Protein backbone atom coordinates (compact mmCIF):
# COMPACT_ATOMS: atom_id res chain seq x y z
CA MET A 1 -81.84 146.47 67.51
CA LEU A 2 -85.42 145.66 68.51
CA THR A 3 -87.70 143.27 66.63
CA LEU A 4 -91.36 143.83 66.02
CA GLU A 5 -92.23 141.69 69.02
CA GLY A 6 -90.00 143.75 71.21
CA ILE A 7 -91.66 147.07 70.14
CA MET A 8 -95.14 145.58 70.70
CA ASP A 9 -94.12 144.55 74.20
CA ILE A 10 -92.97 148.09 74.92
CA PHE A 11 -96.39 149.47 73.82
CA THR A 12 -98.30 146.78 75.74
CA THR A 13 -96.26 147.21 78.98
CA PHE A 14 -96.42 151.02 78.87
CA SER A 15 -100.18 150.93 78.52
CA LEU A 16 -100.41 149.14 81.77
CA ALA A 17 -97.50 150.66 83.75
CA LYS A 18 -97.68 154.26 82.48
CA SER A 19 -94.01 154.64 83.42
CA TYR A 20 -90.93 154.82 81.19
CA ARG A 21 -88.71 153.34 83.92
CA ALA A 22 -91.01 150.50 84.85
CA THR A 23 -91.53 149.61 81.22
CA ALA A 24 -87.77 149.67 80.61
CA GLU A 25 -87.16 147.26 83.49
CA VAL A 26 -89.76 144.80 82.27
CA CYS A 27 -88.67 144.88 78.55
CA GLY A 28 -84.93 144.99 79.26
CA VAL A 29 -84.24 148.35 77.50
CA SER A 30 -83.34 151.82 78.52
CA PRO A 31 -86.04 154.42 79.62
CA ASN A 32 -85.01 156.65 76.70
CA THR A 33 -85.73 153.91 74.18
CA VAL A 34 -89.20 153.41 75.72
CA LYS A 35 -89.84 157.23 75.54
CA ALA A 36 -88.65 157.38 71.85
CA TYR A 37 -91.10 154.61 70.77
CA VAL A 38 -94.00 155.91 72.86
CA THR A 39 -93.53 159.45 71.62
CA GLN A 40 -93.36 158.26 67.98
CA GLY A 41 -96.47 156.15 68.51
CA PRO A 42 -97.76 153.61 65.92
CA GLU A 43 -95.73 155.26 63.20
CA ALA A 44 -92.63 153.50 64.73
CA LEU A 45 -94.05 150.22 63.29
CA THR A 46 -94.96 151.50 59.85
CA ALA A 47 -91.61 153.23 59.47
CA MET A 48 -89.62 149.99 59.98
CA HIS A 49 -87.95 148.06 57.19
CA THR A 50 -88.27 144.42 57.81
CA VAL A 51 -86.95 141.12 56.33
CA ASP A 52 -89.56 138.37 56.46
CA GLY A 53 -91.33 140.61 59.04
CA VAL A 54 -88.85 139.70 61.79
CA ARG A 55 -85.91 142.02 62.12
CA LYS A 56 -85.54 145.75 61.51
CA VAL A 57 -83.15 146.62 58.67
CA ARG A 58 -81.41 149.96 58.75
CA ARG A 59 -80.54 151.42 55.30
CA SER A 60 -76.84 151.66 55.08
CA ARG A 61 -75.39 154.58 53.31
CA PRO A 62 -73.56 153.89 50.08
CA LYS A 63 -69.78 153.37 50.33
CA LYS A 64 -67.26 154.86 48.03
CA LEU A 65 -65.61 151.51 47.28
CA GLU A 66 -68.77 149.49 46.49
CA LYS A 67 -68.25 150.11 42.72
CA PHE A 68 -64.73 148.81 43.01
CA TYR A 69 -65.54 145.60 44.80
CA ALA A 70 -65.33 143.64 41.51
CA HIS A 71 -61.77 144.85 40.97
CA ILE A 72 -60.84 144.01 44.53
CA ASP A 73 -62.37 140.52 44.28
CA GLU A 74 -60.42 139.95 41.01
CA LEU A 75 -57.13 140.83 42.64
CA ILE A 76 -57.91 138.63 45.70
CA GLU A 77 -58.84 135.79 43.34
CA GLN A 78 -55.64 136.11 41.30
CA SER A 79 -53.41 136.07 44.45
CA GLY A 80 -55.41 133.30 46.20
CA GLY A 81 -56.31 135.63 49.01
CA LYS A 82 -52.70 136.75 49.63
CA VAL A 83 -52.68 140.23 48.06
CA GLN A 84 -51.75 143.14 50.35
CA SER A 85 -54.13 146.08 50.72
CA LYS A 86 -51.41 148.56 49.71
CA ILE A 87 -51.02 146.82 46.31
CA VAL A 88 -54.86 147.02 45.91
CA PHE A 89 -54.75 150.75 46.80
CA GLN A 90 -52.04 151.37 44.16
CA ARG A 91 -54.16 149.48 41.52
CA LEU A 92 -57.33 151.32 42.38
CA SER A 93 -55.53 154.71 42.35
CA GLN A 94 -55.16 154.39 38.61
CA PHE A 95 -58.91 154.91 38.18
CA PRO A 96 -59.83 158.59 37.70
CA ASP A 97 -63.01 158.40 39.93
CA PHE A 98 -61.20 156.76 42.88
CA ASP A 99 -60.98 159.03 45.95
CA ALA A 100 -60.99 156.63 48.90
CA SER A 101 -58.31 156.65 51.64
CA GLN A 102 -55.76 153.95 52.30
CA ARG A 103 -57.65 153.05 55.61
CA SER A 104 -60.89 152.57 53.72
CA VAL A 105 -59.14 150.22 51.30
CA ASP A 106 -57.64 148.27 54.18
CA ARG A 107 -61.07 147.66 55.67
CA ALA A 108 -62.64 146.80 52.34
CA VAL A 109 -59.80 144.33 51.45
CA ALA A 110 -60.06 142.66 54.83
CA ALA A 111 -63.84 142.27 54.42
CA ARG A 112 -63.57 140.87 50.85
CA LYS A 113 -60.79 138.49 51.95
CA LYS A 114 -63.13 137.16 54.64
CA VAL A 115 -65.79 136.52 52.07
CA PHE A 116 -63.23 134.89 49.82
CA ALA A 117 -62.04 132.59 52.59
CA GLN A 118 -65.57 131.67 53.64
CA SER A 119 -66.46 130.70 50.13
CA ARG A 120 -63.57 128.30 50.03
CA GLN A 121 -63.66 127.05 53.59
CA ARG A 122 -62.93 123.29 53.76
CA VAL A 123 -65.50 121.34 55.70
CA TYR A 124 -64.03 118.52 57.83
CA LYS A 125 -66.07 115.45 58.10
CA PRO A 126 -65.03 113.38 61.18
CA VAL A 127 -64.13 109.74 60.60
CA VAL A 128 -66.42 107.40 62.47
CA PRO A 129 -64.22 104.48 63.80
CA THR A 130 -65.44 101.05 63.09
CA PRO A 131 -64.36 98.02 65.23
CA GLY A 132 -61.83 95.89 63.62
CA GLN A 133 -61.33 98.19 60.67
CA TYR A 134 -58.06 100.04 61.15
CA MET A 135 -54.78 99.91 62.99
CA GLN A 136 -52.56 102.97 62.65
CA TYR A 137 -48.87 103.15 63.42
CA ASP A 138 -46.26 105.86 63.44
CA PHE A 139 -42.82 106.64 64.86
CA GLY A 140 -41.33 109.07 67.30
CA ASP A 141 -37.82 109.92 68.42
CA GLY A 142 -36.96 107.84 71.45
CA PRO A 143 -34.34 108.37 74.22
CA VAL A 144 -30.63 107.87 73.72
CA VAL A 145 -29.53 104.49 75.13
CA ASP A 146 -25.85 103.46 75.20
CA GLY A 147 -24.95 106.39 73.11
CA ALA A 148 -27.27 105.50 70.26
CA LYS A 149 -30.65 107.03 69.34
CA THR A 150 -33.73 104.93 69.54
CA VAL A 151 -37.14 105.00 67.81
CA LEU A 152 -40.52 104.56 69.50
CA PHE A 153 -42.95 102.48 67.45
CA VAL A 154 -46.50 103.39 68.35
CA ALA A 155 -49.65 101.50 67.20
CA TRP A 156 -53.18 102.74 67.91
CA LEU A 157 -56.67 101.35 67.30
CA PRO A 158 -59.20 104.21 66.54
CA PHE A 159 -62.28 102.39 67.93
CA SER A 160 -60.99 101.07 71.24
CA ARG A 161 -58.19 103.72 71.56
CA ALA A 162 -55.84 100.91 72.68
CA ARG A 163 -52.11 101.74 72.26
CA PHE A 164 -49.00 99.78 71.84
CA VAL A 165 -45.48 101.17 72.16
CA TYR A 166 -42.23 99.33 71.47
CA PRO A 167 -38.68 100.75 71.17
CA LEU A 168 -36.58 99.96 68.00
CA ARG A 169 -32.93 100.55 67.20
CA ASN A 170 -33.88 101.85 63.67
CA ARG A 171 -36.71 102.22 61.20
CA GLN A 172 -35.62 99.70 58.72
CA ALA A 173 -38.02 97.17 57.28
CA PRO A 174 -36.98 94.15 59.50
CA SER A 175 -37.40 96.23 62.71
CA VAL A 176 -40.75 97.67 61.59
CA GLN A 177 -42.03 94.27 60.65
CA TYR A 178 -41.01 92.82 63.99
CA ALA A 179 -42.78 95.68 65.82
CA LEU A 180 -45.96 95.24 63.66
CA ASP A 181 -45.99 91.43 64.46
CA ALA A 182 -45.56 92.25 68.19
CA ALA A 183 -48.44 94.83 67.96
CA LEU A 184 -50.86 92.48 66.24
CA ARG A 185 -50.15 89.83 68.87
CA PHE A 186 -50.62 92.33 71.69
CA PHE A 187 -54.00 93.49 70.23
CA GLY A 188 -54.99 89.83 69.83
CA GLY A 189 -56.01 89.93 66.13
CA VAL A 190 -55.44 91.43 62.71
CA PRO A 191 -57.60 94.37 61.56
CA LYS A 192 -58.69 94.82 57.95
CA TYR A 193 -56.35 97.74 57.16
CA VAL A 194 -53.04 98.90 58.51
CA LEU A 195 -52.60 102.68 58.03
CA THR A 196 -49.33 104.62 58.15
CA ASP A 197 -47.41 107.54 56.80
CA ASN A 198 -45.60 107.58 53.43
CA GLU A 199 -42.23 106.34 54.61
CA LYS A 200 -39.88 104.27 52.38
CA THR A 201 -40.90 101.11 54.22
CA ALA A 202 -44.53 101.77 53.31
CA SER A 203 -44.45 103.58 49.89
CA THR A 204 -41.78 104.21 47.29
CA VAL A 205 -42.96 106.93 44.83
CA THR A 206 -46.14 108.85 43.94
CA ARG A 207 -47.91 108.37 40.72
CA PHE A 208 -51.11 110.03 39.60
CA GLY A 209 -51.28 111.64 42.99
CA LEU A 210 -51.35 108.26 44.87
CA PRO A 211 -48.51 106.63 46.72
CA VAL A 212 -47.18 103.41 45.26
CA LYS A 213 -46.98 100.84 48.07
CA ASN A 214 -43.73 99.10 48.99
CA PRO A 215 -44.12 95.63 47.67
CA GLN A 216 -42.05 94.17 50.55
CA MET A 217 -44.44 95.59 53.13
CA VAL A 218 -47.50 94.65 51.09
CA GLU A 219 -46.29 91.07 50.90
CA PHE A 220 -45.57 90.99 54.65
CA LEU A 221 -49.03 92.25 55.69
CA SER A 222 -50.80 90.05 53.15
CA ARG A 223 -49.32 87.04 55.05
CA TYR A 224 -51.35 88.31 58.08
CA GLY A 225 -54.45 89.07 56.09
CA ALA A 226 -54.20 92.84 56.37
CA LYS A 227 -54.07 95.52 53.60
CA LEU A 228 -51.61 98.35 53.66
CA LEU A 229 -52.96 101.89 53.42
CA THR A 230 -50.90 105.13 53.44
CA CYS A 231 -52.02 108.62 54.27
CA HIS A 232 -52.85 111.31 51.75
CA PRO A 233 -50.92 114.58 52.15
CA TYR A 234 -52.82 117.37 54.03
CA ASP A 235 -55.51 115.01 55.18
CA PRO A 236 -55.58 115.47 59.03
CA GLU A 237 -58.43 113.03 59.57
CA THR A 238 -56.45 110.02 58.53
CA LYS A 239 -54.04 109.46 61.43
CA GLY A 240 -54.27 112.26 63.92
CA GLY A 241 -55.02 109.84 66.73
CA VAL A 242 -51.75 107.90 66.38
CA GLU A 243 -49.75 111.15 66.04
CA ARG A 244 -51.19 112.26 69.34
CA SER A 245 -50.38 108.85 70.81
CA VAL A 246 -46.77 109.37 69.75
CA ALA A 247 -46.63 112.69 71.49
CA VAL A 248 -48.08 111.21 74.69
CA ALA A 249 -45.57 108.33 74.56
CA LYS A 250 -42.65 110.72 74.15
CA GLU A 251 -43.88 112.78 77.12
CA HIS A 252 -43.73 109.75 79.32
CA LEU A 253 -40.82 107.78 77.96
CA VAL A 254 -38.24 110.27 76.80
CA PRO A 255 -36.35 111.84 79.75
CA THR A 256 -36.75 115.65 79.84
CA GLN A 257 -36.65 118.39 82.35
CA ALA A 258 -40.48 118.39 82.38
CA ASN A 259 -40.95 114.81 83.48
CA LEU A 260 -37.69 114.48 85.46
CA ALA A 261 -37.24 110.91 84.17
CA CYS A 262 -33.94 109.18 84.58
CA GLU A 263 -31.72 108.00 81.72
CA TYR A 264 -32.07 104.35 80.71
CA ALA A 265 -29.14 102.18 81.58
CA SER A 266 -29.82 99.64 78.90
CA PHE A 267 -32.15 98.89 76.03
CA ALA A 268 -33.86 96.17 78.10
CA GLU A 269 -34.74 98.74 80.64
CA LEU A 270 -36.40 100.88 78.00
CA VAL A 271 -38.36 97.87 76.73
CA ALA A 272 -39.61 97.19 80.34
CA ARG A 273 -40.60 100.84 80.74
CA CYS A 274 -42.56 100.71 77.46
CA GLU A 275 -44.44 97.66 78.56
CA GLN A 276 -45.32 99.35 81.88
CA PHE A 277 -46.49 102.48 79.98
CA VAL A 278 -48.77 100.41 77.68
CA GLU A 279 -50.33 98.72 80.68
CA GLU A 280 -51.01 102.05 82.37
CA VAL A 281 -52.38 103.90 79.39
CA ASN A 282 -54.77 101.14 78.40
CA GLN A 283 -56.33 101.03 81.87
CA ARG A 284 -57.35 104.67 81.98
CA GLU A 285 -61.03 105.52 81.42
CA CYS A 286 -61.90 107.62 78.37
CA VAL A 287 -64.77 110.05 77.96
CA ARG A 288 -67.23 107.11 77.40
CA GLY A 289 -66.49 105.70 80.90
CA LEU A 290 -64.72 102.67 79.50
CA THR A 291 -61.06 101.75 79.42
CA PRO A 292 -59.29 100.92 76.17
CA ALA A 293 -58.68 97.46 77.48
CA GLN A 294 -62.38 96.88 77.90
CA LEU A 295 -63.16 98.22 74.42
CA LEU A 296 -60.35 96.08 72.99
CA GLU A 297 -62.11 92.93 74.25
CA ARG A 298 -65.14 93.96 72.19
CA GLU A 299 -63.05 94.85 69.13
CA ARG A 300 -61.26 91.49 69.10
CA GLU A 301 -64.49 89.88 67.96
CA PHE A 302 -64.10 91.68 64.59
CA PHE A 303 -60.37 90.85 64.11
CA SER A 304 -59.04 87.98 62.05
CA ALA A 305 -56.83 85.52 63.70
CA VAL A 306 -53.06 86.13 64.12
CA PRO A 307 -50.85 83.30 62.72
CA GLN A 308 -49.48 81.04 65.41
CA SER A 309 -45.94 81.25 64.12
CA SER A 310 -44.25 84.59 63.63
CA LEU A 311 -44.05 85.68 59.96
CA VAL A 312 -41.41 88.29 60.42
CA VAL A 313 -39.74 87.72 57.10
CA SER A 314 -38.39 90.60 55.18
CA PRO A 315 -37.86 90.17 51.45
CA SER A 316 -35.03 92.80 51.83
CA GLY A 317 -33.31 90.13 54.07
CA VAL A 318 -33.20 87.56 51.35
CA ARG A 319 -29.57 86.48 50.78
CA LYS A 320 -27.95 83.86 48.54
CA VAL A 321 -25.38 81.63 50.09
CA GLY A 322 -22.07 81.40 48.40
CA GLN A 323 -21.33 78.59 46.01
CA ARG A 324 -18.20 77.48 47.81
CA THR A 325 -18.30 79.33 51.09
CA PRO A 326 -21.45 78.86 53.31
CA MET A 327 -21.59 82.56 54.32
CA VAL A 328 -24.19 85.29 54.03
CA THR A 329 -23.73 89.04 54.45
CA PHE A 330 -26.17 91.04 56.57
CA GLN A 331 -25.64 94.61 57.66
CA GLY A 332 -21.90 94.55 56.67
CA VAL A 333 -21.12 91.38 58.66
CA GLN A 334 -20.69 87.87 57.24
CA TYR A 335 -22.42 85.03 59.08
CA SER A 336 -21.91 81.27 58.49
CA VAL A 337 -24.71 78.83 57.57
CA PRO A 338 -24.76 75.00 57.28
CA GLN A 339 -22.92 73.66 54.25
CA ARG A 340 -26.00 72.00 52.78
CA LEU A 341 -27.29 75.52 51.91
CA LEU A 342 -24.47 76.30 49.38
CA GLY A 343 -25.91 78.29 46.50
CA GLN A 344 -29.45 78.49 47.99
CA GLN A 345 -31.47 81.48 49.06
CA VAL A 346 -32.17 82.14 52.72
CA VAL A 347 -33.85 84.83 54.78
CA VAL A 348 -31.85 86.81 57.29
CA THR A 349 -33.33 89.10 59.88
CA SER A 350 -32.60 90.47 63.32
CA ASP A 351 -34.55 91.31 66.51
CA PRO A 352 -35.36 94.98 67.21
CA GLN A 353 -32.57 95.21 69.70
CA ASN A 354 -30.22 94.22 66.94
CA THR A 355 -28.49 91.77 69.14
CA THR A 356 -29.29 88.48 67.42
CA VAL A 357 -29.29 87.56 63.69
CA VAL A 358 -31.46 84.67 62.57
CA VAL A 359 -31.12 82.84 59.36
CA MET A 360 -34.24 81.00 58.10
CA VAL A 361 -35.30 78.84 55.20
CA ILE A 362 -38.86 79.01 53.89
CA ASP A 363 -40.55 76.12 52.10
CA ASP A 364 -42.02 77.49 48.81
CA VAL A 365 -44.87 74.98 48.99
CA THR A 366 -45.93 74.84 52.63
CA GLY A 367 -44.54 78.16 53.78
CA GLN A 368 -43.02 76.46 56.80
CA ILE A 369 -40.13 78.35 58.37
CA GLU A 370 -36.98 76.57 59.50
CA VAL A 371 -34.35 78.38 61.51
CA VAL A 372 -30.95 77.09 60.29
CA ALA A 373 -28.60 79.47 62.07
CA GLU A 374 -28.58 81.97 64.86
CA HIS A 375 -25.68 84.31 65.63
CA LYS A 376 -25.01 87.08 68.14
CA VAL A 377 -24.35 90.46 66.57
CA PRO A 378 -20.72 91.46 67.31
CA ALA A 379 -20.56 94.33 69.73
CA ASP A 380 -17.25 95.43 68.24
CA ARG A 381 -17.87 97.14 64.90
CA ALA A 382 -14.45 96.08 63.76
CA VAL A 383 -15.58 92.44 63.61
CA THR A 384 -16.84 91.61 60.08
CA THR A 385 -17.03 87.81 60.19
CA VAL A 386 -18.92 85.59 62.59
CA VAL A 387 -18.37 81.82 62.18
CA ASP A 388 -20.05 78.73 63.82
CA ASP A 389 -17.53 75.86 63.79
CA SER A 390 -20.42 73.40 63.56
CA HIS A 391 -21.22 74.72 60.09
CA PHE A 392 -17.75 73.47 58.90
CA PRO A 393 -17.49 69.77 59.82
CA GLY A 394 -14.09 68.19 59.02
CA VAL A 395 -12.41 71.65 58.82
CA PRO A 396 -9.80 72.50 61.56
CA VAL A 397 -11.16 74.98 64.05
CA VAL A 398 -7.98 77.08 63.81
CA ARG A 399 -6.94 77.99 60.35
CA GLY A 400 -4.56 80.44 58.63
CA PRO A 401 -0.97 80.72 57.52
CA ALA A 402 0.33 80.12 61.03
CA HIS A 403 -1.57 76.75 61.25
CA HIS A 404 -0.75 75.07 57.96
CA ARG A 405 -0.30 71.33 58.33
CA PRO A 406 2.50 69.46 56.50
CA ARG A 407 1.49 67.08 53.81
CA ALA A 408 3.43 64.33 52.17
CA THR A 409 4.81 64.73 48.62
CA THR A 410 6.97 61.58 48.58
CA ALA A 411 6.83 58.11 49.94
CA GLN A 412 9.47 58.82 52.65
CA GLU A 413 7.62 61.90 53.82
CA ALA A 414 4.44 59.96 54.08
CA LYS A 415 6.18 57.24 56.09
CA PHE A 416 7.53 59.82 58.50
CA LEU A 417 4.18 61.64 58.91
CA ALA A 418 2.60 58.33 59.65
CA TYR A 419 4.12 58.46 63.18
CA GLY A 420 1.34 60.86 64.17
CA ALA A 421 0.78 64.48 65.30
CA GLY A 422 4.17 64.72 66.94
CA ALA A 423 5.84 64.12 63.57
CA GLU A 424 3.77 66.95 62.02
CA ARG A 425 4.73 69.32 64.80
CA TYR A 426 8.40 68.36 64.43
CA VAL A 427 8.38 69.12 60.71
CA ALA A 428 6.59 72.40 61.21
CA ALA A 429 9.05 73.46 63.86
CA CYS A 430 12.02 72.62 61.50
CA VAL A 431 10.70 74.66 58.65
CA ASP A 432 9.89 77.53 60.97
CA GLN A 433 13.46 77.56 62.16
CA GLY A 434 14.86 77.41 58.63
CA VAL A 435 16.22 73.87 58.67
CA SER A 436 16.64 73.10 54.98
CA ALA A 437 17.85 69.56 55.54
CA VAL A 438 14.63 68.54 57.31
CA ALA A 439 14.14 65.61 54.92
CA VAL A 440 17.63 64.25 55.72
CA ARG A 441 16.98 64.54 59.50
CA CYS A 442 13.69 62.71 59.10
CA GLU A 443 15.32 59.87 57.26
CA LYS A 444 18.05 59.57 59.95
CA ILE A 445 15.44 59.55 62.70
CA MET A 446 13.47 56.78 61.01
CA ALA A 447 16.65 54.74 60.55
CA LEU A 448 17.89 55.20 64.13
CA THR A 449 14.50 54.62 65.89
CA GLN A 450 13.59 51.29 64.45
CA GLY A 451 13.83 49.74 67.92
CA PHE A 452 11.07 51.94 69.28
CA SER A 453 7.38 51.79 68.64
CA SER A 454 5.68 54.41 66.51
CA GLN A 455 3.92 55.87 69.57
CA GLU A 456 7.23 56.38 71.41
CA VAL A 457 8.87 58.00 68.42
CA ASP A 458 5.82 60.25 67.92
CA ALA A 459 5.92 61.36 71.60
CA GLY A 460 9.66 62.09 71.30
CA LEU A 461 9.17 64.15 68.19
CA ALA A 462 6.43 66.11 69.95
CA LEU A 463 8.74 66.81 72.95
CA ALA A 464 11.50 67.91 70.54
CA ALA A 465 9.14 70.36 68.75
CA GLN A 466 7.78 71.71 72.04
CA HIS A 467 11.23 72.53 73.37
CA GLN A 468 12.78 73.49 70.07
CA ARG A 469 15.40 70.71 70.21
CA LEU A 470 15.40 69.74 66.64
CA THR A 471 18.71 67.91 65.93
CA VAL A 472 18.76 64.15 65.49
CA ALA A 473 20.75 63.72 68.71
CA ASP A 474 18.21 65.77 70.62
CA VAL A 475 15.32 63.65 69.35
CA LEU A 476 17.10 60.45 70.22
CA SER A 477 17.82 61.73 73.71
CA LEU A 478 14.14 62.59 74.24
CA ILE A 479 12.70 59.29 73.09
CA PRO A 480 13.53 57.51 76.36
CA ALA A 481 11.76 60.28 78.31
CA ALA A 482 8.87 59.96 75.90
CA LYS A 483 8.93 56.20 76.39
CA ALA A 484 8.55 56.65 80.14
CA THR A 485 5.70 59.09 79.47
CA VAL A 486 3.97 56.58 77.26
CA SER A 487 4.43 53.79 79.73
CA GLN A 488 2.86 55.94 82.52
CA ASP A 489 -0.05 56.75 80.24
CA ASP A 490 -0.58 53.07 79.47
């Protein structure tokens, strides 16, 4: 549709060219259009309806459904824009003056729905990243290693677009906190806020439309000087960047038919591959012509310092040592601790690979962390107890019903056991063989061996127990051999 300026150009050009075709080529219209306006003359200008004197407005003929638009809008409003046109047609058919077709109703409903959607269109305001303000983290499904699924922890800085990826065995609080500590140390500082999704490690419940933060994670991040924030549902501006970073990490690290990557032989190999990926992705130039590594150097000026010592301490890992047995339970396995910690509280955590368990004591005043025990996680799931013999000084290394030591209950028994370890072994061998008169044998042996030294008698008793020769005669016959052995040792 031509504007007033376009029609005036046609009259001006035709007055000079005197040709419909030449005028049409200059004005960019068809010759018939030029002929129609020239034939109509100046009346073409006075007959036009304009808005603000700019564009010609053609009077549209009245539509049959215009008087029913209010009813259509009401039905669309009630259904939230979901009502079907056939339902609208059924409702409008109840009016006596309604005579429109189903197709007309379809077009009218579609047009009114478009107006309804435009009136409620949500406007997205982009988040302008500020250096040192946010660090976002999320998780993705990692590859299967050694028959177990892994988790990819991905951290992302919105300003510098720097990324950090680390594999985890699980998404439990100790593993997440270990990964957060590693991410902050990789980025070289602590941002003001740490943003994540509403997982159980970050939030517990929702009250008044707001997620209640997990106190364990709040306490952990407060030690670093950061504040925990969680995303609001249906708010795509909050953490879309880290979600895309998770997708990119999965494309490169998870073996698929698309990337033709090989399976990982061990968890350590996956860790090395993640480190290589992080190095590669942070060296690629972005649309601004700078790499994330270069922008990260600028952003570090706005970070707060990372604590020198790792503060990976999970309140969920707090355990109380038994009153009599210096053991703590962690992930279904009992681990020993030094005896001096009986009845005290300790912190138990593990590395992300879940191969080592560390027991720590934290000073309530200074906050200093002392590692008091370190154990390897048993590879065999049937093992439920891990003991360090150094935690039980003075206790025999081998214990149990098969290793009970004899103890004296009378003066004669004490005198016999005073010979030494050989006497203890002899008594144990006798009771194992069912010798009920062991006390009588011991008295006879003491009476008949007065001419030998205690060391010689003890050696003879040891030989008797070793070879299961337990009679008094056997013991007396073995003492000369024991005497020779003792002489050689001397």
